[in-house]
Amino acid sequence: MPVVIPIGTQLQLIANASTGGHGTLYDIVQTDKNNPSTNTIPYQFNQGNTTLVFNADQVGKHILYFVVNNIHSNSVAVDVTYVGAMEAFGFVEGRVYNQKNGVGLPSAEMTIDGNPTSIMTDAFGNYRVKIQPGPHRIGARSSDYSITSYPVIIYQNQTKKQDLKAKRWLTE
């Protein structure tokens, strides 16, 4: 029976290997939109127990297993879902600043995935946005500046730091 966790969760797994050495954690992902894909993550395994961290950043069924010294582990099934993700949030915080002089940009409206949030930067360009776990693009908008947006992955109950560069439209 698979473990069911909300997107944005970090799951710690204990891998028990008979010998230590370089190995690989395999994550086979089946989503509604595509054929299965495989993600590979290199790990250094200890003889005995090694803690592996799985970041649930994609909705779908994940089959996880590891290989060390050509020995395959048993697999673990993890269903990553939106269910439960609404109860826990994460945060993005940082500063929107003029890339030419480093001065913070006040009153810029923060955006998530291109959508306005009605959250404004303070007098020094600082912001803090509460956001649902998962992959997003954080940005801001201002009438006088072009502001670079950035991709972020948000995990529940965690804060991601992301500063945003602003460039004046016509003078810089």
N, C-alpha and C. Protein backbone atom coordinates (compact mmCIF):
# COMPACT_ATOMS: atom_id res chain seq x y z
N MET A 1 0.84 -1.17 0.00
CA MET A 1 0.00 0.00 0.00
C MET A 1 0.89 1.24 0.00
N PRO A 2 0.62 2.20 -0.91
CA PRO A 2 1.49 3.39 -1.00
C PRO A 2 1.24 4.36 0.15
N VAL A 3 2.24 5.13 0.45
CA VAL A 3 2.12 6.25 1.37
C VAL A 3 1.51 7.39 0.58
N VAL A 4 0.56 8.13 1.16
CA VAL A 4 -0.07 9.27 0.49
C VAL A 4 0.34 10.53 1.25
N ILE A 5 0.96 11.48 0.52
CA ILE A 5 1.43 12.72 1.14
C ILE A 5 1.05 13.90 0.26
N PRO A 6 0.85 15.08 0.86
CA PRO A 6 0.53 16.26 0.06
C PRO A 6 1.77 16.81 -0.63
N ILE A 7 1.55 17.45 -1.77
CA ILE A 7 2.65 18.09 -2.48
C ILE A 7 3.32 19.10 -1.57
N GLY A 8 4.63 19.20 -1.69
CA GLY A 8 5.40 20.12 -0.88
C GLY A 8 5.98 19.49 0.38
N THR A 9 5.65 18.23 0.64
CA THR A 9 6.14 17.54 1.82
C THR A 9 7.56 17.01 1.58
N GLN A 10 8.35 16.99 2.63
CA GLN A 10 9.65 16.32 2.59
C GLN A 10 9.50 15.02 3.37
N LEU A 11 9.89 13.93 2.75
CA LEU A 11 9.78 12.61 3.37
C LEU A 11 11.19 12.06 3.56
N GLN A 12 11.50 11.65 4.78
CA GLN A 12 12.81 11.05 5.05
C GLN A 12 12.66 9.54 5.03
N LEU A 13 13.51 8.89 4.27
CA LEU A 13 13.51 7.44 4.15
C LEU A 13 14.83 6.91 4.70
N ILE A 14 14.79 5.74 5.29
CA ILE A 14 16.01 5.10 5.78
C ILE A 14 16.36 3.98 4.81
N ALA A 15 17.53 4.09 4.18
CA ALA A 15 18.01 3.05 3.27
C ALA A 15 19.00 2.19 4.05
N ASN A 16 18.81 0.89 4.00
CA ASN A 16 19.73 -0.03 4.67
C ASN A 16 20.48 -0.80 3.60
N ALA A 17 21.78 -0.59 3.52
CA ALA A 17 22.61 -1.24 2.50
C ALA A 17 23.63 -2.14 3.19
N SER A 18 23.85 -3.31 2.61
CA SER A 18 24.81 -4.26 3.20
C SER A 18 26.25 -3.78 3.04
N THR A 19 26.50 -2.97 2.00
CA THR A 19 27.82 -2.37 1.82
C THR A 19 27.63 -0.90 1.51
N GLY A 20 28.62 -0.09 1.82
CA GLY A 20 28.55 1.32 1.51
C GLY A 20 29.13 1.59 0.14
N GLY A 21 29.01 2.83 -0.30
CA GLY A 21 29.58 3.23 -1.57
C GLY A 21 28.68 4.17 -2.33
N HIS A 22 29.14 4.54 -3.54
CA HIS A 22 28.34 5.41 -4.39
C HIS A 22 27.15 4.62 -4.91
N GLY A 23 26.00 5.29 -4.94
CA GLY A 23 24.79 4.65 -5.42
C GLY A 23 23.87 5.68 -6.02
N THR A 24 22.67 5.24 -6.36
CA THR A 24 21.69 6.11 -7.00
C THR A 24 20.31 5.82 -6.43
N LEU A 25 19.58 6.91 -6.13
CA LEU A 25 18.17 6.80 -5.78
C LEU A 25 17.38 7.03 -7.06
N TYR A 26 16.49 6.12 -7.38
CA TYR A 26 15.65 6.23 -8.57
C TYR A 26 14.24 6.62 -8.15
N ASP A 27 13.66 7.57 -8.87
CA ASP A 27 12.29 8.03 -8.66
C ASP A 27 11.56 7.91 -9.99
N ILE A 28 10.74 6.88 -10.12
CA ILE A 28 9.93 6.68 -11.33
C ILE A 28 8.59 7.33 -11.06
N VAL A 29 8.20 8.31 -11.92
CA VAL A 29 7.01 9.12 -11.67
C VAL A 29 5.98 8.87 -12.76
N GLN A 30 4.76 8.57 -12.33
CA GLN A 30 3.63 8.44 -13.25
C GLN A 30 2.63 9.53 -12.91
N THR A 31 2.38 10.44 -13.87
CA THR A 31 1.39 11.49 -13.68
C THR A 31 0.26 11.24 -14.66
N ASP A 32 -0.80 12.03 -14.54
CA ASP A 32 -1.93 11.92 -15.46
C ASP A 32 -1.58 12.42 -16.85
N LYS A 33 -0.53 13.23 -16.97
CA LYS A 33 -0.24 13.92 -18.22
C LYS A 33 0.80 13.24 -19.10
N ASN A 34 1.58 12.34 -18.57
CA ASN A 34 2.67 11.82 -19.40
C ASN A 34 2.98 10.36 -19.09
N ASN A 35 3.83 9.81 -19.91
CA ASN A 35 4.35 8.48 -19.64
C ASN A 35 5.27 8.57 -18.44
N PRO A 36 5.56 7.45 -17.79
CA PRO A 36 6.46 7.52 -16.63
C PRO A 36 7.80 8.14 -16.99
N SER A 37 8.32 8.93 -16.06
CA SER A 37 9.64 9.51 -16.21
C SER A 37 10.49 9.04 -15.04
N THR A 38 11.80 9.03 -15.22
CA THR A 38 12.70 8.58 -14.17
C THR A 38 13.67 9.68 -13.80
N ASN A 39 13.71 9.99 -12.52
CA ASN A 39 14.68 10.93 -11.98
C ASN A 39 15.73 10.13 -11.23
N THR A 40 17.00 10.48 -11.42
CA THR A 40 18.07 9.79 -10.71
C THR A 40 18.83 10.78 -9.83
N ILE A 41 19.10 10.37 -8.60
CA ILE A 41 19.77 11.23 -7.63
C ILE A 41 20.96 10.47 -7.07
N PRO A 42 22.19 10.93 -7.32
CA PRO A 42 23.35 10.24 -6.77
C PRO A 42 23.43 10.41 -5.25
N TYR A 43 23.81 9.35 -4.56
CA TYR A 43 23.96 9.37 -3.11
C TYR A 43 25.22 8.62 -2.72
N GLN A 44 25.78 9.00 -1.60
CA GLN A 44 26.85 8.23 -0.97
C GLN A 44 26.19 7.43 0.15
N PHE A 45 26.22 6.11 0.04
CA PHE A 45 25.58 5.25 1.01
C PHE A 45 26.59 4.76 2.04
N ASN A 46 26.14 4.70 3.28
CA ASN A 46 26.93 4.10 4.35
C ASN A 46 26.61 2.62 4.42
N GLN A 47 27.52 1.85 4.95
CA GLN A 47 27.17 0.47 5.26
C GLN A 47 26.20 0.54 6.43
N GLY A 48 25.07 -0.08 6.30
CA GLY A 48 24.01 0.05 7.31
C GLY A 48 23.01 1.09 6.85
N ASN A 49 22.66 2.01 7.73
CA ASN A 49 21.59 2.97 7.44
C ASN A 49 22.10 4.28 6.86
N THR A 50 21.38 4.78 5.85
CA THR A 50 21.60 6.10 5.26
C THR A 50 20.24 6.77 5.16
N THR A 51 20.15 8.04 5.58
CA THR A 51 18.90 8.79 5.46
C THR A 51 18.82 9.42 4.07
N LEU A 52 17.72 9.15 3.38
CA LEU A 52 17.45 9.73 2.06
C LEU A 52 16.30 10.72 2.21
N VAL A 53 16.36 11.84 1.51
CA VAL A 53 15.30 12.84 1.57
C VAL A 53 14.59 12.88 0.23
N PHE A 54 13.27 12.69 0.27
CA PHE A 54 12.43 12.77 -0.93
C PHE A 54 11.60 14.03 -0.83
N ASN A 55 11.75 14.93 -1.81
CA ASN A 55 10.96 16.16 -1.88
C ASN A 55 9.77 15.93 -2.79
N ALA A 56 8.59 15.98 -2.24
CA ALA A 56 7.36 15.73 -3.00
C ALA A 56 6.98 17.00 -3.77
N ASP A 57 7.66 17.24 -4.89
CA ASP A 57 7.44 18.47 -5.65
C ASP A 57 6.67 18.25 -6.94
N GLN A 58 6.16 17.02 -7.14
CA GLN A 58 5.39 16.72 -8.36
C GLN A 58 4.27 15.76 -8.00
N VAL A 59 3.02 16.13 -8.36
CA VAL A 59 1.88 15.27 -8.10
C VAL A 59 1.97 14.04 -8.98
N GLY A 60 1.68 12.88 -8.43
CA GLY A 60 1.68 11.62 -9.17
C GLY A 60 2.13 10.47 -8.29
N LYS A 61 2.19 9.30 -8.88
CA LYS A 61 2.66 8.11 -8.16
C LYS A 61 4.17 8.00 -8.37
N HIS A 62 4.90 7.92 -7.28
CA HIS A 62 6.36 7.82 -7.30
C HIS A 62 6.75 6.44 -6.79
N ILE A 63 7.57 5.76 -7.56
CA ILE A 63 8.15 4.49 -7.12
C ILE A 63 9.62 4.77 -6.85
N LEU A 64 10.04 4.59 -5.61
CA LEU A 64 11.40 4.92 -5.18
C LEU A 64 12.16 3.64 -4.85
N TYR A 65 13.39 3.56 -5.33
CA TYR A 65 14.29 2.48 -4.93
C TYR A 65 15.71 2.96 -5.15
N PHE A 66 16.67 2.27 -4.55
CA PHE A 66 18.06 2.66 -4.73
C PHE A 66 18.89 1.46 -5.17
N VAL A 67 20.02 1.78 -5.79
CA VAL A 67 20.98 0.77 -6.22
C VAL A 67 22.35 1.22 -5.70
N VAL A 68 23.02 0.31 -4.99
CA VAL A 68 24.37 0.57 -4.53
C VAL A 68 25.18 -0.71 -4.75
N ASN A 69 26.33 -0.57 -5.41
CA ASN A 69 27.19 -1.72 -5.75
C ASN A 69 26.42 -2.81 -6.49
N ASN A 70 25.59 -2.37 -7.46
CA ASN A 70 24.77 -3.27 -8.29
C ASN A 70 23.77 -4.10 -7.51
N ILE A 71 23.44 -3.68 -6.29
CA ILE A 71 22.42 -4.36 -5.49
C ILE A 71 21.20 -3.43 -5.41
N HIS A 72 20.03 -3.96 -5.83
CA HIS A 72 18.80 -3.18 -5.86
C HIS A 72 18.05 -3.34 -4.53
N SER A 73 17.47 -2.25 -4.08
CA SER A 73 16.65 -2.30 -2.87
C SER A 73 15.22 -2.68 -3.23
N ASN A 74 14.39 -2.88 -2.23
CA ASN A 74 12.96 -2.98 -2.44
C ASN A 74 12.46 -1.61 -2.85
N SER A 75 11.29 -1.54 -3.47
CA SER A 75 10.74 -0.25 -3.86
C SER A 75 9.69 0.21 -2.86
N VAL A 76 9.51 1.52 -2.82
CA VAL A 76 8.51 2.15 -1.97
C VAL A 76 7.62 2.99 -2.88
N ALA A 77 6.30 2.85 -2.73
CA ALA A 77 5.35 3.64 -3.52
C ALA A 77 4.88 4.83 -2.69
N VAL A 78 4.94 6.02 -3.30
CA VAL A 78 4.50 7.25 -2.65
C VAL A 78 3.56 7.98 -3.60
N ASP A 79 2.33 8.19 -3.16
CA ASP A 79 1.37 8.98 -3.95
C ASP A 79 1.43 10.41 -3.45
N VAL A 80 1.83 11.32 -4.34
CA VAL A 80 1.88 12.74 -4.01
C VAL A 80 0.62 13.37 -4.58
N THR A 81 -0.13 14.05 -3.72
CA THR A 81 -1.44 14.55 -4.10
C THR A 81 -1.63 15.98 -3.62
N TYR A 82 -2.64 16.64 -4.17
CA TYR A 82 -3.01 17.96 -3.68
C TYR A 82 -3.83 17.85 -2.40
N VAL A 83 -4.40 16.70 -2.10
CA VAL A 83 -5.20 16.52 -0.90
C VAL A 83 -4.35 16.81 0.31
N GLY A 84 -4.84 17.68 1.17
CA GLY A 84 -4.09 18.03 2.37
C GLY A 84 -3.14 19.19 2.16
N ALA A 85 -2.81 19.52 0.92
CA ALA A 85 -1.87 20.61 0.67
C ALA A 85 -2.46 21.96 1.03
N MET A 86 -3.78 22.05 1.08
CA MET A 86 -4.42 23.32 1.38
C MET A 86 -4.27 23.69 2.86
N GLU A 87 -4.07 22.68 3.74
CA GLU A 87 -3.99 22.96 5.16
C GLU A 87 -2.65 23.55 5.57
N ALA A 88 -1.61 23.25 4.86
CA ALA A 88 -0.28 23.71 5.25
C ALA A 88 0.27 24.62 4.15
N PHE A 89 0.91 25.69 4.56
CA PHE A 89 1.47 26.64 3.63
C PHE A 89 2.96 26.78 3.84
N GLY A 90 3.60 27.40 2.89
CA GLY A 90 4.97 27.82 3.03
C GLY A 90 5.02 29.31 2.77
N PHE A 91 6.21 29.87 2.78
CA PHE A 91 6.36 31.30 2.57
C PHE A 91 7.51 31.58 1.62
N VAL A 92 7.39 32.68 0.89
CA VAL A 92 8.51 33.21 0.12
C VAL A 92 8.72 34.62 0.66
N GLU A 93 9.98 34.92 0.96
CA GLU A 93 10.28 36.27 1.42
C GLU A 93 11.57 36.74 0.78
N GLY A 94 11.73 38.04 0.73
CA GLY A 94 12.93 38.59 0.14
C GLY A 94 12.79 40.08 -0.06
N ARG A 95 13.49 40.55 -1.05
CA ARG A 95 13.56 41.98 -1.32
C ARG A 95 13.50 42.22 -2.82
N VAL A 96 12.72 43.19 -3.23
CA VAL A 96 12.68 43.64 -4.62
C VAL A 96 13.57 44.88 -4.66
N TYR A 97 14.59 44.87 -5.52
CA TYR A 97 15.55 45.98 -5.50
C TYR A 97 15.94 46.40 -6.91
N ASN A 98 16.34 47.67 -7.01
CA ASN A 98 16.83 48.24 -8.26
C ASN A 98 18.21 47.64 -8.52
N GLN A 99 18.35 46.89 -9.61
CA GLN A 99 19.62 46.21 -9.87
C GLN A 99 20.76 47.17 -10.17
N LYS A 100 20.45 48.40 -10.54
CA LYS A 100 21.50 49.37 -10.84
C LYS A 100 22.16 49.94 -9.58
N ASN A 101 21.33 50.26 -8.57
CA ASN A 101 21.89 50.90 -7.37
C ASN A 101 21.63 50.13 -6.07
N GLY A 102 20.93 49.02 -6.13
CA GLY A 102 20.70 48.19 -4.95
C GLY A 102 19.64 48.70 -4.00
N VAL A 103 18.97 49.80 -4.34
CA VAL A 103 17.95 50.38 -3.46
C VAL A 103 16.66 49.55 -3.56
N GLY A 104 16.06 49.27 -2.40
CA GLY A 104 14.81 48.53 -2.37
C GLY A 104 13.69 49.27 -3.06
N LEU A 105 12.79 48.53 -3.70
CA LEU A 105 11.69 49.12 -4.46
C LEU A 105 10.41 49.06 -3.62
N PRO A 106 9.94 50.20 -3.10
CA PRO A 106 8.72 50.20 -2.30
C PRO A 106 7.46 50.08 -3.16
N SER A 107 6.41 49.54 -2.57
CA SER A 107 5.07 49.50 -3.17
C SER A 107 4.98 48.71 -4.46
N ALA A 108 5.86 47.73 -4.67
CA ALA A 108 5.72 46.82 -5.81
C ALA A 108 4.72 45.74 -5.41
N GLU A 109 3.82 45.39 -6.31
CA GLU A 109 2.83 44.35 -6.01
C GLU A 109 3.40 42.98 -6.35
N MET A 110 3.36 42.07 -5.40
CA MET A 110 3.89 40.73 -5.59
C MET A 110 2.95 39.91 -6.47
N THR A 111 3.53 39.01 -7.28
CA THR A 111 2.74 38.12 -8.13
C THR A 111 3.17 36.68 -7.87
N ILE A 112 2.21 35.78 -7.99
CA ILE A 112 2.48 34.34 -7.92
C ILE A 112 1.95 33.74 -9.21
N ASP A 113 2.82 33.09 -9.94
CA ASP A 113 2.47 32.49 -11.23
C ASP A 113 1.84 33.52 -12.17
N GLY A 114 2.33 34.77 -12.10
CA GLY A 114 1.84 35.84 -12.97
C GLY A 114 0.58 36.52 -12.47
N ASN A 115 0.00 36.04 -11.38
CA ASN A 115 -1.24 36.61 -10.86
C ASN A 115 -0.94 37.56 -9.70
N PRO A 116 -1.58 38.74 -9.68
CA PRO A 116 -1.35 39.69 -8.58
C PRO A 116 -1.86 39.13 -7.26
N THR A 117 -1.21 39.51 -6.16
CA THR A 117 -1.58 39.00 -4.83
C THR A 117 -2.17 40.06 -3.92
N SER A 118 -2.07 41.32 -4.25
CA SER A 118 -2.43 42.48 -3.42
C SER A 118 -1.48 42.64 -2.23
N ILE A 119 -0.37 41.92 -2.22
CA ILE A 119 0.67 42.09 -1.21
C ILE A 119 1.72 43.01 -1.81
N MET A 120 2.04 44.07 -1.08
CA MET A 120 2.97 45.08 -1.57
C MET A 120 4.28 45.02 -0.78
N THR A 121 5.37 45.41 -1.43
CA THR A 121 6.64 45.52 -0.73
C THR A 121 6.58 46.72 0.22
N ASP A 122 7.35 46.64 1.30
CA ASP A 122 7.38 47.74 2.26
C ASP A 122 8.28 48.87 1.74
N ALA A 123 8.55 49.84 2.57
CA ALA A 123 9.33 51.02 2.18
C ALA A 123 10.75 50.68 1.75
N PHE A 124 11.25 49.51 2.15
CA PHE A 124 12.62 49.10 1.81
C PHE A 124 12.65 48.02 0.74
N GLY A 125 11.48 47.68 0.18
CA GLY A 125 11.40 46.67 -0.87
C GLY A 125 11.24 45.26 -0.36
N ASN A 126 11.05 45.07 0.95
CA ASN A 126 10.91 43.74 1.53
C ASN A 126 9.49 43.21 1.35
N TYR A 127 9.37 41.89 1.26
CA TYR A 127 8.06 41.26 1.13
C TYR A 127 8.06 39.90 1.82
N ARG A 128 6.88 39.40 2.10
CA ARG A 128 6.67 38.04 2.61
C ARG A 128 5.31 37.59 2.09
N VAL A 129 5.28 36.46 1.36
CA VAL A 129 4.07 35.96 0.74
C VAL A 129 3.79 34.55 1.26
N LYS A 130 2.57 34.32 1.73
CA LYS A 130 2.10 32.99 2.13
C LYS A 130 1.64 32.29 0.86
N ILE A 131 2.07 31.03 0.67
CA ILE A 131 1.81 30.37 -0.61
C ILE A 131 1.61 28.87 -0.40
N GLN A 132 0.78 28.27 -1.23
CA GLN A 132 0.55 26.83 -1.15
C GLN A 132 1.80 26.08 -1.61
N PRO A 133 2.05 24.91 -1.01
CA PRO A 133 3.21 24.12 -1.43
C PRO A 133 3.14 23.75 -2.91
N GLY A 134 4.32 23.65 -3.52
CA GLY A 134 4.42 23.24 -4.91
C GLY A 134 5.32 24.17 -5.70
N PRO A 135 5.45 23.90 -6.99
CA PRO A 135 6.28 24.77 -7.84
C PRO A 135 5.50 26.02 -8.26
N HIS A 136 6.16 27.16 -8.20
CA HIS A 136 5.55 28.44 -8.55
C HIS A 136 6.58 29.35 -9.20
N ARG A 137 6.11 30.49 -9.72
CA ARG A 137 6.97 31.60 -10.16
C ARG A 137 6.62 32.79 -9.30
N ILE A 138 7.61 33.34 -8.63
CA ILE A 138 7.40 34.51 -7.80
C ILE A 138 7.91 35.73 -8.55
N GLY A 139 7.13 36.78 -8.54
CA GLY A 139 7.50 38.00 -9.25
C GLY A 139 6.87 39.21 -8.59
N ALA A 140 7.00 40.32 -9.23
CA ALA A 140 6.40 41.56 -8.74
C ALA A 140 6.15 42.45 -9.95
N ARG A 141 5.32 43.46 -9.73
CA ARG A 141 5.09 44.40 -10.82
C ARG A 141 5.02 45.81 -10.26
N SER A 142 5.48 46.72 -11.12
CA SER A 142 5.53 48.13 -10.78
C SER A 142 5.40 48.91 -12.09
N SER A 143 4.78 50.07 -12.02
CA SER A 143 4.57 50.83 -13.25
C SER A 143 5.87 51.36 -13.85
N ASP A 144 6.91 51.57 -13.05
CA ASP A 144 8.15 52.16 -13.54
C ASP A 144 9.26 51.14 -13.79
N TYR A 145 9.05 49.88 -13.40
CA TYR A 145 10.13 48.89 -13.45
C TYR A 145 9.70 47.59 -14.12
N SER A 146 10.67 46.97 -14.75
CA SER A 146 10.54 45.59 -15.22
C SER A 146 11.20 44.74 -14.14
N ILE A 147 10.48 43.74 -13.64
CA ILE A 147 10.98 42.93 -12.51
C ILE A 147 11.08 41.48 -12.95
N THR A 148 12.27 40.92 -12.78
CA THR A 148 12.52 39.53 -13.16
C THR A 148 11.81 38.60 -12.19
N SER A 149 11.04 37.63 -12.71
CA SER A 149 10.41 36.62 -11.86
C SER A 149 11.30 35.37 -11.82
N TYR A 150 11.14 34.57 -10.78
CA TYR A 150 11.98 33.39 -10.58
C TYR A 150 11.14 32.18 -10.22
N PRO A 151 11.56 31.00 -10.67
CA PRO A 151 10.87 29.78 -10.23
C PRO A 151 11.28 29.43 -8.81
N VAL A 152 10.33 28.97 -8.02
CA VAL A 152 10.60 28.52 -6.66
C VAL A 152 9.78 27.26 -6.40
N ILE A 153 10.29 26.39 -5.56
CA ILE A 153 9.52 25.24 -5.09
C ILE A 153 9.30 25.46 -3.61
N ILE A 154 8.03 25.47 -3.23
CA ILE A 154 7.65 25.76 -1.85
C ILE A 154 7.27 24.46 -1.16
N TYR A 155 7.79 24.29 0.05
CA TYR A 155 7.45 23.15 0.89
C TYR A 155 6.65 23.64 2.08
N GLN A 156 5.75 22.79 2.57
CA GLN A 156 4.90 23.23 3.67
C GLN A 156 5.73 23.56 4.91
N ASN A 157 5.29 24.60 5.59
CA ASN A 157 5.91 25.05 6.84
C ASN A 157 7.37 25.46 6.68
N GLN A 158 7.77 25.84 5.48
CA GLN A 158 9.14 26.31 5.27
C GLN A 158 9.10 27.67 4.58
N THR A 159 10.20 28.41 4.74
CA THR A 159 10.32 29.72 4.11
C THR A 159 11.45 29.69 3.10
N LYS A 160 11.16 30.13 1.88
CA LYS A 160 12.13 30.21 0.79
C LYS A 160 12.53 31.67 0.63
N LYS A 161 13.83 31.93 0.54
CA LYS A 161 14.35 33.29 0.35
C LYS A 161 14.54 33.52 -1.15
N GLN A 162 13.96 34.61 -1.69
CA GLN A 162 14.13 34.94 -3.09
C GLN A 162 14.08 36.45 -3.29
N ASP A 163 15.22 37.06 -3.61
CA ASP A 163 15.27 38.47 -3.95
C ASP A 163 14.95 38.62 -5.44
N LEU A 164 14.37 39.76 -5.80
CA LEU A 164 13.96 40.02 -7.18
C LEU A 164 14.63 41.29 -7.68
N LYS A 165 15.21 41.21 -8.89
CA LYS A 165 15.88 42.36 -9.51
C LYS A 165 14.87 43.18 -10.31
N ALA A 166 14.97 44.51 -10.15
CA ALA A 166 14.11 45.42 -10.89
C ALA A 166 14.97 46.33 -11.76
N LYS A 167 14.48 46.62 -12.95
CA LYS A 167 15.18 47.50 -13.87
C LYS A 167 14.20 48.57 -14.34
N ARG A 168 14.60 49.84 -14.21
CA ARG A 168 13.73 50.95 -14.63
C ARG A 168 13.47 50.82 -16.13
N TRP A 169 12.23 51.03 -16.56
CA TRP A 169 11.80 50.80 -17.95
C TRP A 169 12.66 51.50 -18.97
N LEU A 170 12.82 52.80 -18.91
CA LEU A 170 13.45 53.53 -20.01
C LEU A 170 14.82 54.11 -19.70
N THR A 171 15.19 54.23 -18.45
CA THR A 171 16.42 54.96 -18.15
C THR A 171 17.60 54.07 -17.81
N GLU A 172 17.45 52.77 -17.67
CA GLU A 172 18.58 51.93 -17.27
C GLU A 172 18.88 50.90 -18.33
